[in-house]
Amino acid sequence: MLLRLVKRLEDLRSYVSCERVLEALADANRGADAERVAAWLEQAVRDGRLFADTRNQLDPASGAIVETRLYRVNHRHPHVAELDEPNA
């Protein structure tokens, strides 16, 4: 389910972060524990289902530069390829 969500968010947003995944889950009334979601995202990176990198981002509230981990799906991974099929 989370892999499909990341894929959908990637199509809708300029970037996908753990925070955006949590927001989407909350919007769908499927709130989730932040630590569990972060652990799942990192496991998906280790499994090759997701790519990840870290970017610097300006926090508008504080003016500080903060590191943000971004995720995107690996369309060459077999589990993601299954989601790309028309009847998936």
C-alpha atoms as a PDB file:
ATOM      1  CA  MET A   1       0.000   0.000   0.000  1.00  0.00           C
ATOM      2  CA  LEU A   2       2.771   2.493   0.878  1.00  0.00           C
ATOM      3  CA  LEU A   3       4.626   1.804  -2.365  1.00  0.00           C
ATOM      4  CA  ARG A   4       1.473   2.630  -4.327  1.00  0.00           C
ATOM      5  CA  LEU A   5       1.035   5.800  -2.224  1.00  0.00           C
ATOM      6  CA  VAL A   6       4.603   6.969  -2.871  1.00  0.00           C
ATOM      7  CA  LYS A   7       4.082   6.343  -6.584  1.00  0.00           C
ATOM      8  CA  ARG A   8       0.849   8.376  -6.575  1.00  0.00           C
ATOM      9  CA  LEU A   9       2.437  11.221  -4.586  1.00  0.00           C
ATOM     10  CA  GLU A  10       5.360  11.282  -6.988  1.00  0.00           C
ATOM     11  CA  ASP A  11       2.893  11.900  -9.823  1.00  0.00           C
ATOM     12  CA  LEU A  12       1.105  14.668  -7.905  1.00  0.00           C
ATOM     13  CA  ARG A  13       3.887  16.493  -6.045  1.00  0.00           C
ATOM     14  CA  SER A  14       7.230  18.041  -6.880  1.00  0.00           C
ATOM     15  CA  TYR A  15       8.870  15.770  -4.298  1.00  0.00           C
ATOM     16  CA  VAL A  16       7.970  13.024  -1.820  1.00  0.00           C
ATOM     17  CA  SER A  17       9.243  13.108   1.757  1.00  0.00           C
ATOM     18  CA  CYS A  18       8.306  11.087   4.822  1.00  0.00           C
ATOM     19  CA  GLU A  19       6.274  14.081   5.985  1.00  0.00           C
ATOM     20  CA  ARG A  20       4.276  14.128   2.758  1.00  0.00           C
ATOM     21  CA  VAL A  21       3.590  10.394   3.041  1.00  0.00           C
ATOM     22  CA  LEU A  22       2.349  10.940   6.606  1.00  0.00           C
ATOM     23  CA  GLU A  23       0.149  13.854   5.473  1.00  0.00           C
ATOM     24  CA  ALA A  24      -1.378  11.732   2.697  1.00  0.00           C
ATOM     25  CA  LEU A  25      -2.077   8.907   5.143  1.00  0.00           C
ATOM     26  CA  ALA A  26      -3.728  11.337   7.564  1.00  0.00           C
ATOM     27  CA  ASP A  27      -5.810  12.855   4.731  1.00  0.00           C
ATOM     28  CA  ALA A  28      -7.035   9.343   3.895  1.00  0.00           C
ATOM     29  CA  ASN A  29      -7.884   8.712   7.573  1.00  0.00           C
ATOM     30  CA  ARG A  30      -5.104   6.128   7.699  1.00  0.00           C
ATOM     31  CA  GLY A  31      -2.845   7.869  10.154  1.00  0.00           C
ATOM     32  CA  ALA A  32       0.375   6.027  10.848  1.00  0.00           C
ATOM     33  CA  ASP A  33       3.244   6.151  13.281  1.00  0.00           C
ATOM     34  CA  ALA A  34       6.013   8.358  11.870  1.00  0.00           C
ATOM     35  CA  GLU A  35       8.770   5.984  12.987  1.00  0.00           C
ATOM     36  CA  ARG A  36       7.093   3.003  11.291  1.00  0.00           C
ATOM     37  CA  VAL A  37       6.604   4.914   8.035  1.00  0.00           C
ATOM     38  CA  ALA A  38      10.206   6.166   8.082  1.00  0.00           C
ATOM     39  CA  ALA A  39      11.427   2.616   8.744  1.00  0.00           C
ATOM     40  CA  TRP A  40       9.316   1.267   5.866  1.00  0.00           C
ATOM     41  CA  LEU A  41      10.634   3.949   3.493  1.00  0.00           C
ATOM     42  CA  GLU A  42      14.236   3.157   4.407  1.00  0.00           C
ATOM     43  CA  GLN A  43      13.601  -0.595   4.046  1.00  0.00           C
ATOM     44  CA  ALA A  44      12.149   0.054   0.589  1.00  0.00           C
ATOM     45  CA  VAL A  45      15.347   1.959  -0.279  1.00  0.00           C
ATOM     46  CA  ARG A  46      17.480  -0.965   0.906  1.00  0.00           C
ATOM     47  CA  ASP A  47      15.283  -3.373  -1.109  1.00  0.00           C
ATOM     48  CA  GLY A  48      15.688  -1.230  -4.226  1.00  0.00           C
ATOM     49  CA  ARG A  49      11.987  -0.358  -4.537  1.00  0.00           C
ATOM     50  CA  LEU A  50      12.671   3.315  -3.821  1.00  0.00           C
ATOM     51  CA  PHE A  51      15.520   5.699  -4.505  1.00  0.00           C
ATOM     52  CA  ALA A  52      16.389   8.331  -1.906  1.00  0.00           C
ATOM     53  CA  ASP A  53      18.553  11.377  -1.561  1.00  0.00           C
ATOM     54  CA  THR A  54      18.933  14.209   0.891  1.00  0.00           C
ATOM     55  CA  ARG A  55      18.365  17.842  -0.015  1.00  0.00           C
ATOM     56  CA  ASN A  56      18.704  21.106   1.856  1.00  0.00           C
ATOM     57  CA  GLN A  57      15.456  22.960   2.320  1.00  0.00           C
ATOM     58  CA  LEU A  58      14.632  26.363   3.777  1.00  0.00           C
ATOM     59  CA  ASP A  59      12.262  26.187   6.749  1.00  0.00           C
ATOM     60  CA  PRO A  60      10.062  29.246   6.209  1.00  0.00           C
ATOM     61  CA  ALA A  61       9.044  29.448   9.867  1.00  0.00           C
ATOM     62  CA  SER A  62      12.549  29.575  11.328  1.00  0.00           C
ATOM     63  CA  GLY A  63      14.637  30.597   8.328  1.00  0.00           C
ATOM     64  CA  ALA A  64      16.926  27.632   9.009  1.00  0.00           C
ATOM     65  CA  ILE A  65      18.280  25.271   6.385  1.00  0.00           C
ATOM     66  CA  VAL A  66      17.196  21.703   7.179  1.00  0.00           C
ATOM     67  CA  GLU A  67      18.033  18.396   5.527  1.00  0.00           C
ATOM     68  CA  THR A  68      15.067  16.618   3.959  1.00  0.00           C
ATOM     69  CA  ARG A  69      15.143  13.024   2.721  1.00  0.00           C
ATOM     70  CA  LEU A  70      13.335  12.653  -0.617  1.00  0.00           C
ATOM     71  CA  TYR A  71      12.015   9.433  -2.150  1.00  0.00           C
ATOM     72  CA  ARG A  72      11.041   8.295  -5.618  1.00  0.00           C
ATOM     73  CA  VAL A  73      10.011   4.939  -6.973  1.00  0.00           C
ATOM     74  CA  ASN A  74      12.386   2.703  -8.884  1.00  0.00           C
ATOM     75  CA  HIS A  75      10.289   1.792 -11.923  1.00  0.00           C
ATOM     76  CA  ARG A  76      12.747  -0.961 -12.859  1.00  0.00           C
ATOM     77  CA  HIS A  77      12.105  -2.905  -9.669  1.00  0.00           C
ATOM     78  CA  PRO A  78       9.712  -5.856 -10.276  1.00  0.00           C
ATOM     79  CA  HIS A  79       7.287  -4.810  -7.510  1.00  0.00           C
ATOM     80  CA  VAL A  80       7.033  -1.304  -8.932  1.00  0.00           C
ATOM     81  CA  ALA A  81       6.754  -2.617 -12.488  1.00  0.00           C
ATOM     82  CA  GLU A  82       3.691  -4.584 -11.361  1.00  0.00           C
ATOM     83  CA  LEU A  83       2.100  -1.308 -10.223  1.00  0.00           C
ATOM     84  CA  ASP A  84       2.881   0.264 -13.599  1.00  0.00           C
ATOM     85  CA  GLU A  85       0.823  -2.380 -15.426  1.00  0.00           C
ATOM     86  CA  PRO A  86      -2.616  -1.164 -16.585  1.00  0.00           C
ATOM     87  CA  ASN A  87      -4.604  -3.682 -14.500  1.00  0.00           C
ATOM     88  CA  ALA A  88      -2.556  -3.278 -11.314  1.00  0.00           C
END
